[in-house]
Structure formats: C-alpha cells, structure tokens
Amino acid sequence: MHIVAVTPLSVSPEELTRRQRRYDRLAPAGVTVALHNLGTGSQIPRSLDTEQAIAASETAVGDWFRSADGTGADAFLPDCVLDPFVGLPGHQIGIPVLGLLKLTAHFLRGRDFASAQWRGTSR
C-alpha cells in the first residue's frame, strides 16, 4: 500500500525529513508513506493555533489533494490528528482520504467492542 501524505501547515525541510523518517520507522511492512510539505505561500498556515488557521489548513490540504498526482497512490493522508479536509463536503476526490484521528478512533472502538464481547459486557 502506498500512501501520499501532506503536512497540514508549512514546515521546514528539516521538519519534513524528521516526519518522513518517523513514517518510515512506524509504517508496517508493505506500507510506504511519501510525505510532502503543504507549501510555503502566504495562504499556507504556519501554525494551527486559531480556528482561522485550522480552516485555512483544511482548504489548503483539500486543494493540495485535488491537484496532486495520485498515480500509484492507494490513499491520501493529512499528516495531522485534526484530520484537515477529512469528512468535509467535497472530500471524496477519487482516492480515499484517510484521517489519523478517525482511523484511530474506529480501530480503538473495534478493539473495545471485541474486548467487551469477550468479557461478556457491552457499552
């Protein structure tokens, strides 16, 4: 599986390399993640500390995914637990867009359900 990821804000080349190395270390066998910088333009946020910055990130991430060459990609991934662009109107762009928080929550809910079923309890 090949995932194309993008940062939710403008990062330095050093930060991009640091994040890419983390994906390389954490991705299981058979999964590759190619991380890209969202950009450096004035419309690209440098932090996500306000609602306006988060909204700008969601717009910029969506624009990036829509214009990205998805050839060979199995999925797109915003590199942020805030899941910018995930689930927003227009987020279905022909390639699945995965969200870190959404995937984690579903995974944990599935584990909780399975665990509760094993214990004979439910929530």
N, C-alpha and C. Protein backbone atom coordinates (compact mmCIF):
# COMPACT_ATOMS: atom_id res chain seq x y z
N MET A 1 0.85 -1.17 0.00
CA MET A 1 0.00 0.00 0.00
C MET A 1 0.90 1.23 0.00
N HIS A 2 0.56 2.19 -0.86
CA HIS A 2 1.32 3.44 -0.93
C HIS A 2 0.39 4.60 -0.56
N ILE A 3 0.79 5.34 0.47
CA ILE A 3 0.02 6.47 0.96
C ILE A 3 0.78 7.75 0.66
N VAL A 4 0.08 8.72 0.09
CA VAL A 4 0.65 10.05 -0.15
C VAL A 4 0.11 10.96 0.94
N ALA A 5 1.02 11.51 1.74
CA ALA A 5 0.64 12.35 2.86
C ALA A 5 1.12 13.78 2.63
N VAL A 6 0.43 14.72 3.28
CA VAL A 6 0.82 16.13 3.21
C VAL A 6 0.71 16.74 4.60
N THR A 7 1.67 17.60 4.91
CA THR A 7 1.63 18.29 6.20
C THR A 7 0.44 19.24 6.21
N PRO A 8 -0.11 19.57 7.38
CA PRO A 8 -1.26 20.47 7.45
C PRO A 8 -0.86 21.94 7.48
N LEU A 9 0.44 22.20 7.48
CA LEU A 9 0.96 23.55 7.55
C LEU A 9 2.33 23.56 6.89
N SER A 10 2.87 24.73 6.71
CA SER A 10 4.19 24.87 6.12
C SER A 10 5.24 24.43 7.14
N VAL A 11 6.13 23.54 6.75
CA VAL A 11 7.20 23.09 7.63
C VAL A 11 8.55 23.27 6.93
N SER A 12 9.59 23.32 7.71
CA SER A 12 10.94 23.45 7.17
C SER A 12 11.36 22.12 6.54
N PRO A 13 12.36 22.16 5.67
CA PRO A 13 12.87 20.90 5.10
C PRO A 13 13.34 19.92 6.19
N GLU A 14 13.92 20.44 7.25
CA GLU A 14 14.37 19.58 8.34
C GLU A 14 13.19 18.90 9.04
N GLU A 15 12.12 19.65 9.26
CA GLU A 15 10.93 19.07 9.89
C GLU A 15 10.28 18.04 8.97
N LEU A 16 10.25 18.32 7.69
CA LEU A 16 9.69 17.36 6.75
C LEU A 16 10.49 16.05 6.79
N THR A 17 11.80 16.17 6.81
CA THR A 17 12.66 14.98 6.89
C THR A 17 12.43 14.23 8.19
N ARG A 18 12.31 14.94 9.30
CA ARG A 18 12.05 14.29 10.59
C ARG A 18 10.74 13.51 10.56
N ARG A 19 9.71 14.13 10.03
CA ARG A 19 8.40 13.46 9.95
C ARG A 19 8.46 12.26 9.01
N GLN A 20 9.14 12.40 7.88
CA GLN A 20 9.24 11.29 6.94
C GLN A 20 9.96 10.11 7.57
N ARG A 21 11.02 10.38 8.29
CA ARG A 21 11.76 9.30 8.97
C ARG A 21 10.86 8.58 9.97
N ARG A 22 9.99 9.32 10.63
CA ARG A 22 9.08 8.69 11.59
C ARG A 22 8.10 7.76 10.86
N TYR A 23 7.55 8.22 9.75
CA TYR A 23 6.68 7.33 8.97
C TYR A 23 7.45 6.09 8.51
N ASP A 24 8.68 6.28 8.05
CA ASP A 24 9.48 5.15 7.59
C ASP A 24 9.68 4.13 8.71
N ARG A 25 9.87 4.63 9.93
CA ARG A 25 10.09 3.75 11.07
C ARG A 25 8.81 3.06 11.54
N LEU A 26 7.69 3.78 11.50
CA LEU A 26 6.45 3.26 12.07
C LEU A 26 5.58 2.47 11.10
N ALA A 27 5.73 2.71 9.81
CA ALA A 27 4.87 2.03 8.83
C ALA A 27 5.17 0.53 8.82
N PRO A 28 4.14 -0.28 8.82
CA PRO A 28 4.37 -1.73 8.78
C PRO A 28 4.89 -2.17 7.42
N ALA A 29 5.43 -3.36 7.37
CA ALA A 29 5.93 -3.91 6.11
C ALA A 29 4.82 -3.86 5.06
N GLY A 30 5.17 -3.45 3.87
CA GLY A 30 4.21 -3.38 2.79
C GLY A 30 3.49 -2.05 2.67
N VAL A 31 3.75 -1.14 3.61
CA VAL A 31 3.13 0.18 3.57
C VAL A 31 4.23 1.23 3.45
N THR A 32 4.10 2.09 2.44
CA THR A 32 5.02 3.21 2.30
C THR A 32 4.22 4.50 2.40
N VAL A 33 4.84 5.50 2.99
CA VAL A 33 4.22 6.82 3.11
C VAL A 33 5.19 7.82 2.51
N ALA A 34 4.71 8.57 1.53
CA ALA A 34 5.51 9.64 0.92
C ALA A 34 4.94 10.97 1.41
N LEU A 35 5.69 11.66 2.25
CA LEU A 35 5.23 12.89 2.88
C LEU A 35 5.69 14.10 2.08
N HIS A 36 4.78 15.06 1.91
CA HIS A 36 5.06 16.29 1.19
C HIS A 36 4.73 17.48 2.07
N ASN A 37 5.40 18.59 1.82
CA ASN A 37 5.13 19.84 2.51
C ASN A 37 3.93 20.50 1.84
N LEU A 38 3.02 21.02 2.63
CA LEU A 38 1.82 21.67 2.11
C LEU A 38 2.15 22.86 1.22
N GLY A 39 3.22 23.55 1.53
CA GLY A 39 3.60 24.69 0.71
C GLY A 39 4.23 25.78 1.54
N THR A 40 4.55 26.88 0.87
CA THR A 40 5.21 27.98 1.56
C THR A 40 4.53 29.33 1.29
N GLY A 41 3.46 29.32 0.53
CA GLY A 41 2.79 30.57 0.18
C GLY A 41 2.14 31.24 1.38
N SER A 42 1.75 32.48 1.18
CA SER A 42 1.17 33.27 2.27
C SER A 42 -0.17 32.70 2.75
N GLN A 43 -0.87 31.94 1.93
CA GLN A 43 -2.15 31.35 2.32
C GLN A 43 -1.98 30.06 3.12
N ILE A 44 -0.75 29.56 3.22
CA ILE A 44 -0.49 28.32 3.95
C ILE A 44 -0.18 28.65 5.41
N PRO A 45 -0.93 28.07 6.35
CA PRO A 45 -0.69 28.39 7.76
C PRO A 45 0.67 27.90 8.24
N ARG A 46 1.21 28.61 9.22
CA ARG A 46 2.49 28.24 9.86
C ARG A 46 2.24 27.60 11.22
N SER A 47 1.01 27.67 11.69
CA SER A 47 0.61 27.03 12.95
C SER A 47 -0.88 26.73 12.85
N LEU A 48 -1.37 25.97 13.80
CA LEU A 48 -2.80 25.63 13.84
C LEU A 48 -3.39 26.05 15.18
N ASP A 49 -3.07 27.28 15.57
CA ASP A 49 -3.44 27.76 16.89
C ASP A 49 -4.72 28.60 16.93
N THR A 50 -5.37 28.78 15.79
CA THR A 50 -6.64 29.51 15.75
C THR A 50 -7.61 28.78 14.85
N GLU A 51 -8.89 29.07 15.02
CA GLU A 51 -9.91 28.48 14.14
C GLU A 51 -9.66 28.88 12.67
N GLN A 52 -9.20 30.11 12.47
CA GLN A 52 -8.92 30.59 11.11
C GLN A 52 -7.77 29.80 10.49
N ALA A 53 -6.75 29.52 11.27
CA ALA A 53 -5.61 28.75 10.76
C ALA A 53 -6.03 27.33 10.43
N ILE A 54 -6.87 26.74 11.27
CA ILE A 54 -7.35 25.38 11.01
C ILE A 54 -8.20 25.37 9.74
N ALA A 55 -9.07 26.35 9.58
CA ALA A 55 -9.89 26.43 8.36
C ALA A 55 -9.01 26.62 7.13
N ALA A 56 -7.99 27.46 7.23
CA ALA A 56 -7.07 27.66 6.11
C ALA A 56 -6.34 26.36 5.78
N SER A 57 -5.96 25.61 6.81
CA SER A 57 -5.30 24.33 6.60
C SER A 57 -6.22 23.35 5.88
N GLU A 58 -7.48 23.28 6.32
CA GLU A 58 -8.43 22.37 5.68
C GLU A 58 -8.59 22.70 4.20
N THR A 59 -8.70 23.99 3.89
CA THR A 59 -8.83 24.41 2.49
C THR A 59 -7.57 24.07 1.71
N ALA A 60 -6.41 24.39 2.27
CA ALA A 60 -5.14 24.16 1.57
C ALA A 60 -4.87 22.67 1.38
N VAL A 61 -5.18 21.85 2.38
CA VAL A 61 -4.98 20.41 2.25
C VAL A 61 -5.90 19.86 1.16
N GLY A 62 -7.16 20.28 1.16
CA GLY A 62 -8.08 19.84 0.10
C GLY A 62 -7.60 20.25 -1.27
N ASP A 63 -7.15 21.49 -1.41
CA ASP A 63 -6.62 21.96 -2.70
C ASP A 63 -5.40 21.14 -3.11
N TRP A 64 -4.54 20.84 -2.14
CA TRP A 64 -3.33 20.07 -2.44
C TRP A 64 -3.70 18.68 -2.95
N PHE A 65 -4.62 18.00 -2.24
CA PHE A 65 -5.03 16.66 -2.66
C PHE A 65 -5.69 16.69 -4.05
N ARG A 66 -6.54 17.67 -4.28
CA ARG A 66 -7.21 17.76 -5.58
C ARG A 66 -6.23 17.96 -6.73
N SER A 67 -5.13 18.66 -6.47
CA SER A 67 -4.17 18.93 -7.55
C SER A 67 -3.01 17.95 -7.58
N ALA A 68 -2.90 17.07 -6.59
CA ALA A 68 -1.78 16.12 -6.51
C ALA A 68 -1.91 15.03 -7.57
N ASP A 69 -0.78 14.55 -8.01
CA ASP A 69 -0.75 13.39 -8.90
C ASP A 69 -0.90 12.15 -8.04
N GLY A 70 -2.04 11.54 -8.12
CA GLY A 70 -2.32 10.36 -7.30
C GLY A 70 -1.93 9.06 -7.96
N THR A 71 -1.20 9.13 -9.05
CA THR A 71 -0.78 7.91 -9.74
C THR A 71 0.02 7.03 -8.79
N GLY A 72 -0.41 5.81 -8.65
CA GLY A 72 0.27 4.86 -7.78
C GLY A 72 -0.10 4.96 -6.32
N ALA A 73 -0.91 5.95 -5.95
CA ALA A 73 -1.31 6.11 -4.55
C ALA A 73 -2.56 5.30 -4.27
N ASP A 74 -2.57 4.65 -3.13
CA ASP A 74 -3.76 3.93 -2.68
C ASP A 74 -4.64 4.81 -1.82
N ALA A 75 -4.03 5.83 -1.20
CA ALA A 75 -4.78 6.73 -0.33
C ALA A 75 -3.98 8.02 -0.11
N PHE A 76 -4.72 9.06 0.26
CA PHE A 76 -4.12 10.31 0.70
C PHE A 76 -4.29 10.39 2.22
N LEU A 77 -3.38 11.12 2.86
CA LEU A 77 -3.41 11.23 4.32
C LEU A 77 -2.94 12.60 4.76
N PRO A 78 -3.79 13.38 5.42
CA PRO A 78 -3.28 14.60 6.05
C PRO A 78 -2.44 14.19 7.26
N ASP A 79 -1.24 14.76 7.37
CA ASP A 79 -0.31 14.43 8.45
C ASP A 79 -0.66 15.24 9.70
N CYS A 80 -1.85 14.95 10.26
CA CYS A 80 -2.33 15.76 11.39
C CYS A 80 -3.50 15.04 12.05
N VAL A 81 -3.47 14.96 13.39
CA VAL A 81 -4.57 14.32 14.10
C VAL A 81 -5.86 15.14 14.09
N LEU A 82 -5.79 16.37 13.62
CA LEU A 82 -7.02 17.16 13.47
C LEU A 82 -7.79 16.76 12.21
N ASP A 83 -7.21 15.87 11.39
CA ASP A 83 -7.84 15.37 10.17
C ASP A 83 -8.35 16.47 9.24
N PRO A 84 -7.51 17.46 8.90
CA PRO A 84 -7.99 18.50 8.00
C PRO A 84 -8.46 17.91 6.67
N PHE A 85 -9.61 18.39 6.22
CA PHE A 85 -10.24 18.00 4.96
C PHE A 85 -11.03 16.70 5.06
N VAL A 86 -10.75 15.86 6.04
CA VAL A 86 -11.42 14.56 6.15
C VAL A 86 -12.88 14.80 6.53
N GLY A 87 -13.78 14.24 5.76
CA GLY A 87 -15.20 14.33 6.07
C GLY A 87 -15.88 15.63 5.68
N LEU A 88 -15.12 16.58 5.14
CA LEU A 88 -15.74 17.83 4.72
C LEU A 88 -16.43 17.66 3.37
N PRO A 89 -17.41 18.51 3.05
CA PRO A 89 -18.02 18.42 1.73
C PRO A 89 -16.94 18.52 0.65
N GLY A 90 -17.01 17.63 -0.32
CA GLY A 90 -16.05 17.63 -1.41
C GLY A 90 -14.79 16.84 -1.12
N HIS A 91 -14.74 16.12 0.03
CA HIS A 91 -13.52 15.40 0.37
C HIS A 91 -13.36 14.11 -0.43
N GLN A 92 -14.41 13.66 -1.08
CA GLN A 92 -14.29 12.46 -1.90
C GLN A 92 -13.78 12.87 -3.27
N ILE A 93 -12.52 12.49 -3.55
CA ILE A 93 -11.84 13.01 -4.74
C ILE A 93 -11.32 11.90 -5.65
N GLY A 94 -11.83 10.69 -5.49
CA GLY A 94 -11.41 9.60 -6.35
C GLY A 94 -10.37 8.69 -5.72
N ILE A 95 -9.64 9.19 -4.75
CA ILE A 95 -8.69 8.40 -3.97
C ILE A 95 -9.13 8.56 -2.51
N PRO A 96 -9.18 7.48 -1.75
CA PRO A 96 -9.59 7.62 -0.35
C PRO A 96 -8.70 8.61 0.40
N VAL A 97 -9.33 9.43 1.24
CA VAL A 97 -8.61 10.35 2.11
C VAL A 97 -8.77 9.82 3.53
N LEU A 98 -7.67 9.38 4.12
CA LEU A 98 -7.68 8.79 5.45
C LEU A 98 -7.40 9.84 6.50
N GLY A 99 -7.99 9.70 7.64
CA GLY A 99 -7.73 10.62 8.75
C GLY A 99 -7.12 9.86 9.92
N LEU A 100 -6.04 10.39 10.47
CA LEU A 100 -5.36 9.73 11.58
C LEU A 100 -6.29 9.54 12.78
N LEU A 101 -6.98 10.61 13.17
CA LEU A 101 -7.87 10.52 14.32
C LEU A 101 -9.05 9.60 14.04
N LYS A 102 -9.63 9.74 12.87
CA LYS A 102 -10.79 8.92 12.51
C LYS A 102 -10.41 7.43 12.47
N LEU A 103 -9.28 7.10 11.84
CA LEU A 103 -8.85 5.71 11.79
C LEU A 103 -8.55 5.17 13.18
N THR A 104 -7.88 5.97 13.99
CA THR A 104 -7.53 5.54 15.34
C THR A 104 -8.79 5.32 16.18
N ALA A 105 -9.73 6.24 16.09
CA ALA A 105 -10.96 6.10 16.87
C ALA A 105 -11.74 4.85 16.46
N HIS A 106 -11.83 4.60 15.16
CA HIS A 106 -12.54 3.41 14.69
C HIS A 106 -11.82 2.13 15.13
N PHE A 107 -10.49 2.14 15.03
CA PHE A 107 -9.70 0.98 15.46
C PHE A 107 -9.92 0.71 16.94
N LEU A 108 -9.81 1.76 17.75
CA LEU A 108 -9.98 1.58 19.19
C LEU A 108 -11.40 1.17 19.55
N ARG A 109 -12.37 1.72 18.87
CA ARG A 109 -13.76 1.32 19.12
C ARG A 109 -13.96 -0.15 18.79
N GLY A 110 -13.37 -0.59 17.71
CA GLY A 110 -13.45 -2.00 17.35
C GLY A 110 -12.79 -2.90 18.38
N ARG A 111 -11.67 -2.48 18.89
CA ARG A 111 -10.98 -3.25 19.94
C ARG A 111 -11.81 -3.26 21.21
N ASP A 112 -12.38 -2.13 21.57
CA ASP A 112 -13.21 -2.04 22.77
C ASP A 112 -14.42 -2.95 22.64
N PHE A 113 -15.04 -2.92 21.48
CA PHE A 113 -16.22 -3.77 21.26
C PHE A 113 -15.83 -5.23 21.36
N ALA A 114 -14.75 -5.61 20.71
CA ALA A 114 -14.31 -7.00 20.74
C ALA A 114 -13.95 -7.41 22.17
N SER A 115 -13.30 -6.52 22.90
CA SER A 115 -12.92 -6.80 24.27
C SER A 115 -14.16 -6.95 25.15
N ALA A 116 -15.14 -6.07 24.96
CA ALA A 116 -16.38 -6.14 25.74
C ALA A 116 -17.13 -7.43 25.43
N GLN A 117 -17.12 -7.83 24.16
CA GLN A 117 -17.80 -9.07 23.79
C GLN A 117 -17.12 -10.26 24.45
N TRP A 118 -15.80 -10.24 24.49
CA TRP A 118 -15.04 -11.33 25.11
C TRP A 118 -15.35 -11.41 26.61
N ARG A 119 -15.47 -10.25 27.26
CA ARG A 119 -15.74 -10.21 28.70
C ARG A 119 -17.21 -10.47 29.02
N GLY A 120 -18.05 -10.48 27.99
CA GLY A 120 -19.46 -10.68 28.22
C GLY A 120 -20.18 -9.41 28.65
N THR A 121 -19.58 -8.26 28.39
CA THR A 121 -20.19 -6.98 28.73
C THR A 121 -20.37 -6.16 27.46
N SER A 122 -21.11 -5.12 27.57
CA SER A 122 -21.26 -4.21 26.43
C SER A 122 -21.31 -2.80 26.95
N ARG A 123 -21.13 -1.87 26.06
CA ARG A 123 -21.16 -0.45 26.45
C ARG A 123 -22.30 0.25 25.82
